Amino acid sequence: MQVDRANEADIQRAYIEKCREYLLDKEKELGRPLTACVNTFGCQMNARDSEKLLGILEEIGYKPVETEDADIVIYNTCTVRENANLRVYGRLGQLHKFKEKNPDMLIILCGCMMQEPEVVEKIRKSYRFVDIVFGTFNIFKLAELIHTRLNTGSQIIDIWKGTDYVLEQLPTDRKYKFKSGVNIMYGCDNFCSYCIVPYVRGREMSRPPIDIIRESERLVADGVREIMYLGQNVNSYGKKLEETEEAKGSQDVTERVTFADLLKELEKIEGLDRIRFMTPHPKDFSDELIETIAASDKVCHHLHLPLQSGSSRILKAMNRHYTKEQYLALVDKIREKIPDVSITTDIIVGFPGETEEDFEDTLDVVRQAKYDSAYTFIYSKRTGTPAAKMENQIDEATVKNRFDRLLATVAEVSHSVSARFEGQVMDVLVEGLDDHEEGLVTGRLKSNMLVHFKGKEELIGQIVQVKLTECKGFYYLGEMIN
């Protein structure tokens, strides 16, 4: 969809102001503040989108709360697996009960799930109490959609099939003051046969590097020390970037900007201590990128490198564009250049046609790659993807057996790998108070592993040195070095 780029930010700020006027009148009528709850399903990109949604709501004047008996509840949805859709439908019943007690309550559904036409039709017919439905391309219109709903009283459905425009200059409410995500690109061109993301997030679109750099500088000026750079396939960044003067930005950015080029520019930002990124694709992981990470003092030595399957036959059916041997060669190359690297991964069990031999190949890669941890998933059949039409869908009992064996293998490997830092003194970014034991704080190593140690609340947001005294599997206990 085409957008008036020059005026869109002003238009949306005007709608924020109109919604604020409504809110002030409503608060006088009710004699209390109006509240908002944003619940996120899915990936880091969804979490970043939710920060933008909450930022708009707070700018309007809503008070953020954790409970869903709020005056506005937003579900920012995921649709990568069928389970995510079922969870949303299941929880809508509870929201309906809240709305019966509070008729002025607004229920809003957005995100990837809403890009599926059959989902929108089901909501239109069976969930008439849902007030607003929109997708992944127009979250910046939240205030406008609220204003329209308040003025018409009708269910608002505004789904875009795509866009060439993203508005980033609106309020954002970050979960953490000291770290943030920044989108560097949107959409995906890979079309893995099991994945619905390209259909709901659209085709790849990279942001100009100068926009990313400026946003990062603003965040650092606001106290951010660590930034996670986000995209469905970050190491294909820049492939379709328009060669305009604005896109080129800094004279140090080459005419054809790669992801490695972008990282080198971001590393120059004074005050930015840690750089992370999510998610790279193995087929695009260049030698230049490996060298850039190895030479950097800021890019964290943690790589999330999705495997999905260890079988070359299944990888071909998944349309992943690499073999088992190529993946392992890449892991070896990374470990040679970055010896202390922590590698995590995604693995799918039960893809159509997966044999026992195919599954054993996956276990073999887990053992050889020596992952620090793995996100493991049972294959979820997604209507509209090529894999959904494949024959030889695997029976539930076989999948469950393989899934349990995979979990056991991952746990065995990761426990021995994770313990390699035991006894060392390492930098930890303190993220918060420990949820389970009073007097402890929790932070992360550059490897992304959690560390719990004695400390006070004023340490939150600081980078401190901690001796890692004991590995407990997926986390460390430590002692801060004074």
Protein backbone atom coordinates (compact mmCIF):
# COMPACT_ATOMS: atom_id res chain seq x y z
CA MET A 1 0.00 0.00 0.00
CA GLN A 2 1.23 3.50 -0.85
CA VAL A 3 1.63 5.98 2.01
CA ASP A 4 2.13 9.76 2.04
CA ARG A 5 5.67 9.56 3.39
CA ALA A 6 6.05 13.31 3.91
CA ASN A 7 3.00 13.78 6.13
CA GLU A 8 2.26 10.39 7.72
CA ALA A 9 4.06 11.08 11.02
CA ASP A 10 2.17 14.36 11.46
CA ILE A 11 -1.11 12.64 10.59
CA GLN A 12 -0.59 9.95 13.21
CA ARG A 13 0.46 12.47 15.88
CA ALA A 14 -2.78 14.35 15.20
CA TYR A 15 -4.74 11.15 15.81
CA ILE A 16 -2.79 10.57 19.04
CA GLU A 17 -3.89 14.03 20.19
CA LYS A 18 -7.55 13.33 19.29
CA CYS A 19 -7.45 10.06 21.21
CA ARG A 20 -5.87 11.87 24.17
CA GLU A 21 -8.84 14.29 24.26
CA TYR A 22 -11.24 11.32 24.33
CA LEU A 23 -9.23 9.65 27.11
CA LEU A 24 -9.22 12.77 29.32
CA ASP A 25 -12.99 13.09 29.00
CA LYS A 26 -13.50 9.40 29.72
CA GLU A 27 -11.25 9.52 32.80
CA LYS A 28 -13.30 12.44 34.18
CA GLU A 29 -16.49 10.46 33.56
CA LEU A 30 -15.17 7.29 35.26
CA GLY A 31 -13.09 8.99 37.94
CA ARG A 32 -10.07 6.78 37.29
CA PRO A 33 -7.16 6.38 34.83
CA LEU A 34 -7.68 4.28 31.71
CA THR A 35 -5.39 1.26 31.37
CA ALA A 36 -3.83 -0.71 28.52
CA CYS A 37 -2.30 -4.19 28.24
CA VAL A 38 -0.23 -5.38 25.28
CA ASN A 39 0.45 -9.13 25.09
CA THR A 40 3.03 -10.41 22.64
CA PHE A 41 3.07 -13.79 20.95
CA GLY A 42 6.10 -14.79 18.89
CA CYS A 43 9.53 -13.52 17.97
CA GLN A 44 11.78 -10.57 18.85
CA MET A 45 10.36 -8.59 15.94
CA ASN A 46 6.89 -8.95 17.44
CA ALA A 47 8.27 -7.87 20.80
CA ARG A 48 9.77 -4.77 19.18
CA ASP A 49 6.45 -4.02 17.46
CA SER A 50 4.70 -4.31 20.82
CA GLU A 51 7.03 -1.69 22.30
CA LYS A 52 5.88 0.66 19.54
CA LEU A 53 2.21 -0.13 20.18
CA LEU A 54 2.59 0.46 23.92
CA GLY A 55 4.52 3.66 23.23
CA ILE A 56 1.60 5.02 21.20
CA LEU A 57 -0.89 4.04 23.90
CA GLU A 58 1.17 5.73 26.61
CA GLU A 59 1.47 8.85 24.45
CA ILE A 60 -2.32 8.90 24.26
CA GLY A 61 -2.41 8.64 28.04
CA TYR A 62 -3.20 5.02 28.83
CA LYS A 63 -1.56 3.55 31.94
CA PRO A 64 0.24 0.27 31.12
CA VAL A 65 -0.78 -2.77 33.18
CA GLU A 66 0.02 -6.49 33.09
CA THR A 67 -3.54 -7.76 33.61
CA GLU A 68 -6.02 -8.25 30.79
CA ASP A 69 -8.99 -6.64 32.57
CA ALA A 70 -7.79 -3.35 31.08
CA ASP A 71 -9.58 -0.68 29.04
CA ILE A 72 -7.55 -1.63 25.96
CA VAL A 73 -6.10 -5.08 25.38
CA ILE A 74 -3.92 -5.78 22.35
CA TYR A 75 -2.85 -9.24 21.24
CA ASN A 76 0.15 -8.93 18.93
CA THR A 77 -0.05 -12.35 17.36
CA CYS A 78 2.26 -14.95 15.83
CA THR A 79 1.28 -17.60 13.30
CA VAL A 80 4.47 -19.61 12.79
CA ARG A 81 2.83 -22.62 14.48
CA GLU A 82 -0.82 -23.62 14.74
CA ASN A 83 -0.53 -23.65 18.54
CA ALA A 84 -0.06 -19.87 18.53
CA ASN A 85 -3.38 -19.39 16.70
CA LEU A 86 -5.19 -21.75 19.06
CA ARG A 87 -3.84 -19.89 22.10
CA VAL A 88 -5.27 -16.62 20.79
CA TYR A 89 -8.71 -18.10 20.11
CA GLY A 90 -8.69 -19.73 23.55
CA ARG A 91 -7.90 -16.50 25.36
CA LEU A 92 -10.47 -14.43 23.47
CA GLY A 93 -13.21 -16.07 25.52
CA GLN A 94 -11.75 -14.63 28.72
CA LEU A 95 -11.47 -11.18 27.12
CA HIS A 96 -15.14 -11.36 26.15
CA LYS A 97 -16.05 -11.84 29.83
CA PHE A 98 -14.00 -8.78 30.77
CA LYS A 99 -15.75 -6.77 28.06
CA GLU A 100 -19.18 -7.76 29.34
CA LYS A 101 -18.23 -6.12 32.65
CA ASN A 102 -16.63 -3.10 30.93
CA PRO A 103 -18.56 -2.31 27.68
CA ASP A 104 -16.11 0.52 26.84
CA MET A 105 -13.21 -1.93 26.70
CA LEU A 106 -11.43 -2.17 23.33
CA ILE A 107 -10.07 -5.54 22.17
CA ILE A 108 -7.48 -5.28 19.42
CA LEU A 109 -5.84 -8.07 17.42
CA CYS A 110 -2.82 -7.42 15.22
CA GLY A 111 0.35 -9.09 13.94
CA CYS A 112 1.16 -12.05 11.72
CA MET A 113 -1.92 -14.15 12.44
CA MET A 114 -4.12 -11.34 11.17
CA GLN A 115 -2.47 -11.49 7.71
CA GLU A 116 -4.25 -14.82 7.11
CA PRO A 117 -7.57 -14.18 5.29
CA GLU A 118 -9.29 -17.18 6.88
CA VAL A 119 -8.39 -15.90 10.36
CA VAL A 120 -9.80 -12.45 9.64
CA GLU A 121 -13.00 -13.99 8.26
CA LYS A 122 -13.37 -16.15 11.37
CA ILE A 123 -12.99 -13.10 13.62
CA ARG A 124 -15.44 -11.12 11.50
CA LYS A 125 -18.09 -13.84 11.82
CA SER A 126 -17.49 -15.46 15.21
CA TYR A 127 -15.78 -12.81 17.34
CA ARG A 128 -17.82 -9.68 16.75
CA PHE A 129 -16.78 -8.34 20.16
CA VAL A 130 -13.24 -7.78 18.81
CA ASP A 131 -13.06 -4.07 18.04
CA ILE A 132 -10.01 -3.61 15.79
CA VAL A 133 -8.07 -5.99 13.55
CA PHE A 134 -4.90 -5.04 11.65
CA GLY A 135 -1.77 -6.81 10.45
CA THR A 136 1.99 -6.41 10.31
CA PHE A 137 2.37 -3.52 7.88
CA ASN A 138 0.39 -0.70 9.50
CA ILE A 139 1.01 -0.83 13.26
CA PHE A 140 1.89 2.88 13.13
CA LYS A 141 -1.82 3.55 12.46
CA LEU A 142 -2.92 2.37 15.92
CA ALA A 143 -4.15 5.79 17.12
CA GLU A 144 -6.01 6.38 13.84
CA LEU A 145 -7.73 2.98 14.06
CA ILE A 146 -8.73 3.60 17.70
CA HIS A 147 -10.13 7.01 16.77
CA THR A 148 -12.14 5.49 13.91
CA ARG A 149 -13.54 2.77 16.18
CA LEU A 150 -14.55 5.29 18.84
CA ASN A 151 -16.33 7.44 16.26
CA THR A 152 -18.09 4.72 14.26
CA GLY A 153 -18.80 2.09 16.90
CA SER A 154 -18.17 -0.56 14.24
CA GLN A 155 -15.63 -3.34 14.09
CA ILE A 156 -12.57 -2.00 12.24
CA ILE A 157 -10.60 -4.35 9.98
CA ASP A 158 -7.60 -2.81 8.21
CA ILE A 159 -5.34 -5.45 6.63
CA TRP A 160 -2.65 -4.47 4.13
CA LYS A 161 -1.21 -7.05 1.75
CA GLY A 162 2.11 -5.23 1.73
CA THR A 163 3.78 -1.84 1.82
CA ASP A 164 6.92 -0.06 0.70
CA TYR A 165 6.89 2.20 3.76
CA VAL A 166 7.67 1.84 7.45
CA LEU A 167 7.15 4.68 9.93
CA GLU A 168 9.66 4.52 12.81
CA GLN A 169 9.35 8.07 14.22
CA LEU A 170 6.55 7.41 16.72
CA PRO A 171 6.72 6.87 20.50
CA THR A 172 8.17 3.59 21.81
CA ASP A 173 7.97 2.13 25.31
CA ARG A 174 11.04 -0.05 25.81
CA LYS A 175 10.86 -2.96 28.22
CA TYR A 176 14.44 -2.22 29.29
CA LYS A 177 15.99 1.23 29.51
CA PHE A 178 19.50 -0.09 28.90
CA LYS A 179 18.87 -2.36 25.90
CA SER A 180 16.65 -2.27 22.85
CA GLY A 181 15.86 -3.86 19.53
CA VAL A 182 16.19 -2.04 16.21
CA ASN A 183 14.65 -3.33 13.01
CA ILE A 184 17.10 -3.20 10.11
CA MET A 185 14.83 -4.89 7.58
CA TYR A 186 11.35 -6.32 7.16
CA GLY A 187 9.95 -9.36 5.40
CA CYS A 188 11.63 -12.44 3.95
CA ASP A 189 12.49 -13.76 0.48
CA ASN A 190 13.58 -17.27 1.46
CA PHE A 191 10.26 -19.15 1.24
CA CYS A 192 11.26 -22.16 3.31
CA SER A 193 8.60 -24.74 2.45
CA TYR A 194 7.26 -25.03 6.03
CA CYS A 195 7.21 -21.31 6.84
CA ILE A 196 4.35 -18.86 6.52
CA VAL A 197 6.42 -15.76 7.41
CA PRO A 198 7.02 -14.52 3.82
CA TYR A 199 3.26 -14.62 3.26
CA VAL A 200 2.40 -12.62 6.39
CA ARG A 201 5.47 -10.36 6.71
CA GLY A 202 5.92 -9.66 3.00
CA ARG A 203 9.02 -9.51 0.86
CA GLU A 204 12.43 -8.32 2.04
CA MET A 205 12.85 -4.58 2.52
CA SER A 206 16.02 -3.11 4.07
CA ARG A 207 16.05 0.19 5.91
CA PRO A 208 18.63 2.79 4.80
CA PRO A 209 21.78 2.45 6.93
CA ILE A 210 21.73 6.12 7.93
CA ASP A 211 18.25 5.64 9.45
CA ILE A 212 19.48 2.64 11.46
CA ILE A 213 22.57 4.52 12.63
CA ARG A 214 20.57 7.59 13.69
CA GLU A 215 18.00 5.50 15.56
CA SER A 216 20.84 3.68 17.32
CA GLU A 217 22.49 6.98 18.28
CA ARG A 218 19.21 8.26 19.73
CA LEU A 219 18.82 5.10 21.78
CA VAL A 220 22.38 5.31 23.13
CA ALA A 221 21.79 8.96 24.05
CA ASP A 222 18.74 7.72 25.99
CA GLY A 223 20.81 5.27 28.05
CA VAL A 224 20.84 2.14 25.87
CA ARG A 225 24.06 0.11 26.07
CA GLU A 226 23.08 -2.98 24.08
CA ILE A 227 21.13 -3.17 20.81
CA MET A 228 19.72 -6.25 19.08
CA TYR A 229 19.48 -5.66 15.32
CA LEU A 230 16.46 -7.50 13.96
CA GLY A 231 15.40 -9.02 10.66
CA GLN A 232 14.04 -12.32 9.36
CA ASN A 233 17.40 -12.85 7.60
CA VAL A 234 19.79 -10.11 8.71
CA ASN A 235 22.74 -11.29 6.66
CA SER A 236 20.87 -10.65 3.43
CA TYR A 237 20.57 -7.02 4.56
CA GLY A 238 21.08 -4.48 1.79
CA LYS A 239 20.46 -6.76 -1.19
CA LYS A 240 17.57 -4.66 -2.45
CA LEU A 241 18.42 -1.36 -0.81
CA GLU A 242 17.68 1.63 -3.02
CA GLU A 243 20.85 3.45 -4.00
CA THR A 244 19.77 6.93 -2.96
CA GLU A 245 21.90 9.56 -1.24
CA GLU A 246 19.84 9.04 1.91
CA ALA A 247 20.40 5.28 1.76
CA LYS A 248 24.13 5.65 1.35
CA GLY A 249 24.28 7.99 4.32
CA SER A 250 27.79 8.08 5.76
CA GLN A 251 30.69 8.35 3.34
CA ASP A 252 32.16 5.34 5.12
CA VAL A 253 29.24 3.16 4.02
CA THR A 254 30.05 1.49 0.72
CA GLU A 255 27.75 1.86 -2.26
CA ARG A 256 26.55 -1.74 -1.96
CA VAL A 257 25.92 -2.08 1.74
CA THR A 258 26.30 -5.54 3.26
CA PHE A 259 25.34 -6.57 6.76
CA ALA A 260 29.04 -6.66 7.65
CA ASP A 261 29.38 -3.05 6.39
CA LEU A 262 26.46 -2.03 8.59
CA LEU A 263 27.97 -3.69 11.67
CA LYS A 264 31.26 -1.83 11.10
CA GLU A 265 29.39 1.49 11.02
CA LEU A 266 27.35 0.67 14.12
CA GLU A 267 30.49 -0.27 16.03
CA LYS A 268 31.66 3.35 15.69
CA ILE A 269 28.78 4.63 17.86
CA GLU A 270 30.29 5.86 21.11
CA GLY A 271 28.49 4.51 24.17
CA LEU A 272 27.09 1.45 22.40
CA ASP A 273 28.78 -1.37 24.32
CA ARG A 274 27.14 -4.49 22.92
CA ILE A 275 25.79 -5.38 19.47
CA ARG A 276 23.63 -8.45 18.89
CA PHE A 277 21.62 -9.58 15.88
CA MET A 278 18.82 -11.99 15.08
CA THR A 279 18.38 -13.97 12.84
CA PRO A 280 21.01 -14.93 10.25
CA HIS A 281 20.49 -17.62 7.60
CA PRO A 282 23.33 -20.16 7.16
CA LYS A 283 23.22 -19.90 3.35
CA ASP A 284 24.13 -16.18 3.47
CA PHE A 285 26.73 -16.28 6.26
CA SER A 286 29.73 -14.78 4.47
CA ASP A 287 33.44 -14.94 5.31
CA GLU A 288 33.32 -11.13 5.50
CA LEU A 289 30.70 -11.32 8.24
CA ILE A 290 32.70 -13.90 10.22
CA GLU A 291 35.83 -11.72 9.99
CA THR A 292 33.85 -8.64 11.05
CA ILE A 293 32.48 -10.37 14.15
CA ALA A 294 35.88 -11.83 15.04
CA ALA A 295 37.57 -8.41 14.81
CA SER A 296 34.88 -6.53 16.73
CA ASP A 297 35.05 -5.51 20.38
CA LYS A 298 31.31 -4.86 20.46
CA VAL A 299 29.57 -7.57 18.43
CA CYS A 300 28.68 -10.31 20.91
CA HIS A 301 30.19 -13.72 20.24
CA HIS A 302 26.77 -15.35 20.25
CA LEU A 303 25.32 -16.59 16.97
CA HIS A 304 21.84 -18.02 16.56
CA LEU A 305 22.31 -20.24 13.50
CA PRO A 306 19.07 -22.08 12.64
CA LEU A 307 19.64 -25.67 11.53
CA GLN A 308 16.02 -26.90 11.21
CA SER A 309 17.18 -30.40 10.17
CA GLY A 310 20.46 -32.29 10.01
CA SER A 311 19.38 -34.29 6.98
CA SER A 312 20.50 -32.94 3.59
CA ARG A 313 17.47 -34.64 2.01
CA ILE A 314 15.04 -32.94 4.38
CA LEU A 315 16.90 -29.61 4.10
CA LYS A 316 16.33 -29.74 0.34
CA ALA A 317 12.63 -30.42 0.88
CA MET A 318 12.57 -27.49 3.31
CA ASN A 319 14.13 -25.24 0.61
CA ARG A 320 16.94 -24.25 2.97
CA HIS A 321 19.70 -24.08 0.30
CA TYR A 322 22.45 -25.82 2.26
CA THR A 323 23.41 -29.39 3.11
CA LYS A 324 24.38 -31.03 6.39
CA GLU A 325 28.01 -30.93 5.32
CA GLN A 326 27.89 -27.25 4.33
CA TYR A 327 26.27 -26.32 7.65
CA LEU A 328 28.91 -28.16 9.69
CA ALA A 329 31.69 -26.64 7.58
CA LEU A 330 30.27 -23.19 8.38
CA VAL A 331 30.20 -24.01 12.11
CA ASP A 332 33.84 -25.16 11.93
CA LYS A 333 34.85 -21.98 10.10
CA ILE A 334 33.08 -19.80 12.69
CA ARG A 335 34.68 -21.65 15.62
CA GLU A 336 38.11 -21.39 14.01
CA LYS A 337 37.83 -17.58 13.69
CA ILE A 338 35.83 -17.02 16.91
CA PRO A 339 37.00 -19.70 19.39
CA ASP A 340 34.83 -18.51 22.30
CA VAL A 341 31.64 -18.27 20.21
CA SER A 342 28.34 -19.52 21.62
CA ILE A 343 26.10 -21.05 18.96
CA THR A 344 22.39 -21.65 19.44
CA THR A 345 19.91 -22.98 16.92
CA ASP A 346 16.35 -23.88 15.87
CA ILE A 347 15.40 -27.48 15.06
CA ILE A 348 12.15 -28.89 13.66
CA VAL A 349 11.14 -32.51 14.34
CA GLY A 350 8.64 -34.40 12.22
CA PHE A 351 8.88 -32.59 8.89
CA PRO A 352 6.89 -34.52 6.23
CA GLY A 353 8.82 -37.56 5.02
CA GLU A 354 11.40 -37.47 7.85
CA THR A 355 12.78 -41.00 8.34
CA GLU A 356 14.64 -42.39 11.32
CA GLU A 357 17.87 -42.00 9.33
CA ASP A 358 17.03 -38.33 8.69
CA PHE A 359 16.40 -37.80 12.39
CA GLU A 360 19.68 -39.50 13.35
CA ASP A 361 21.42 -36.99 11.04
CA THR A 362 19.88 -34.20 13.11
CA LEU A 363 21.17 -35.75 16.35
CA ASP A 364 24.58 -36.09 14.73
CA VAL A 365 24.69 -32.37 13.89
CA VAL A 366 23.68 -31.48 17.46
CA ARG A 367 26.62 -33.51 18.76
CA GLN A 368 29.11 -32.13 16.22
CA ALA A 369 27.98 -28.48 16.32
CA LYS A 370 28.04 -28.47 20.15
CA TYR A 371 25.21 -25.99 20.63
CA ASP A 372 24.94 -23.99 23.84
CA SER A 373 21.18 -24.41 23.55
CA ALA A 374 18.51 -25.13 20.97
CA TYR A 375 14.91 -24.09 20.39
CA THR A 376 13.17 -27.32 19.41
CA PHE A 377 9.81 -27.50 17.66
CA ILE A 378 7.43 -30.14 16.43
CA TYR A 379 6.56 -29.48 12.79
CA SER A 380 3.35 -27.47 12.51
CA LYS A 381 1.33 -27.77 9.32
CA ARG A 382 0.57 -24.24 8.06
CA THR A 383 -2.09 -23.88 5.39
CA GLY A 384 -0.75 -22.08 2.35
CA THR A 385 2.81 -23.42 2.61
CA PRO A 386 4.21 -26.08 0.22
CA ALA A 387 4.98 -28.45 3.11
CA ALA A 388 1.31 -28.58 4.10
CA LYS A 389 0.56 -30.38 0.81
CA MET A 390 3.41 -32.90 1.10
CA GLU A 391 2.71 -36.58 1.54
CA ASN A 392 4.13 -38.72 4.35
CA GLN A 393 3.07 -36.48 7.23
CA ILE A 394 4.60 -38.08 10.35
CA ASP A 395 2.35 -39.72 12.95
CA GLU A 396 2.09 -38.14 16.39
CA ALA A 397 3.64 -41.02 18.36
CA THR A 398 6.77 -41.10 16.17
CA VAL A 399 7.18 -37.32 16.37
CA LYS A 400 6.78 -37.35 20.16
CA ASN A 401 9.41 -40.09 20.53
CA ARG A 402 11.89 -38.20 18.34
CA PHE A 403 11.19 -34.90 20.06
CA ASP A 404 11.95 -36.39 23.49
CA ARG A 405 15.19 -37.93 22.19
CA LEU A 406 16.22 -34.61 20.67
CA LEU A 407 15.59 -32.78 23.95
CA ALA A 408 17.72 -35.32 25.81
CA THR A 409 20.58 -35.00 23.30
CA VAL A 410 20.48 -31.20 23.34
CA ALA A 411 20.50 -31.16 27.16
CA GLU A 412 23.45 -33.57 27.30
CA VAL A 413 25.52 -31.60 24.77
CA SER A 414 24.65 -28.10 25.96
CA HIS A 415 25.37 -28.85 29.61
CA SER A 416 28.96 -29.87 28.87
CA VAL A 417 29.45 -26.98 26.42
CA SER A 418 27.99 -24.30 28.69
CA ALA A 419 30.28 -25.22 31.59
CA ARG A 420 33.41 -24.21 29.63
CA PHE A 421 33.42 -20.69 31.16
CA GLU A 422 33.33 -21.95 34.76
CA GLY A 423 35.95 -20.23 36.94
CA GLN A 424 36.48 -17.33 34.51
CA VAL A 425 35.84 -13.63 35.21
CA MET A 426 33.57 -12.14 32.56
CA ASP A 427 31.56 -8.98 31.87
CA VAL A 428 27.86 -9.18 32.76
CA LEU A 429 25.15 -6.70 31.80
CA VAL A 430 22.81 -6.62 34.80
CA GLU A 431 19.18 -6.88 33.67
CA GLY A 432 17.14 -7.06 36.85
CA LEU A 433 16.48 -8.52 40.28
CA ASP A 434 16.43 -12.30 40.51
CA ASP A 435 12.86 -13.62 40.38
CA HIS A 436 13.52 -16.56 42.67
CA GLU A 437 15.97 -15.53 45.37
CA GLU A 438 16.09 -12.27 47.28
CA GLY A 439 19.44 -10.48 47.30
CA LEU A 440 20.46 -11.72 43.87
CA VAL A 441 20.51 -9.92 40.52
CA THR A 442 20.41 -11.43 37.04
CA GLY A 443 22.48 -10.47 34.02
CA ARG A 444 23.78 -11.80 30.71
CA LEU A 445 27.19 -12.66 29.37
CA LYS A 446 28.08 -11.66 25.83
CA SER A 447 27.35 -15.32 25.04
CA ASN A 448 23.74 -14.55 26.07
CA MET A 449 23.91 -16.94 29.01
CA LEU A 450 22.27 -15.87 32.26
CA VAL A 451 24.25 -15.28 35.45
CA HIS A 452 22.81 -14.91 38.96
CA PHE A 453 24.89 -13.28 41.69
CA LYS A 454 24.61 -11.15 44.83
CA GLY A 455 23.90 -7.52 44.05
CA LYS A 456 21.57 -4.57 44.54
CA GLU A 457 18.97 -2.91 42.35
CA GLU A 458 21.23 0.04 41.50
CA LEU A 459 23.41 -2.35 39.43
CA ILE A 460 20.63 -2.76 36.84
CA GLY A 461 21.81 -1.46 33.48
CA GLN A 462 25.50 -1.59 34.43
CA ILE A 463 28.19 -3.88 33.05
CA VAL A 464 30.12 -5.49 35.91
CA GLN A 465 32.79 -8.16 36.22
CA VAL A 466 31.62 -11.45 37.68
CA LYS A 467 33.51 -14.64 38.47
CA LEU A 468 31.50 -17.60 37.18
CA THR A 469 31.68 -19.98 40.12
CA GLU A 470 29.26 -22.74 39.10
CA CYS A 471 27.45 -23.75 35.91
CA LYS A 472 23.92 -24.96 36.56
CA GLY A 473 23.19 -26.10 33.01
CA PHE A 474 21.55 -23.15 31.29
CA TYR A 475 22.81 -20.50 33.70
CA TYR A 476 25.71 -19.65 36.02
CA LEU A 477 26.01 -18.70 39.65
CA GLY A 478 28.70 -16.08 40.19
CA GLU A 479 30.40 -13.56 42.45
CA MET A 480 30.85 -9.93 41.50
CA ILE A 481 34.45 -8.73 41.51
CA ASN A 482 34.71 -5.41 43.41
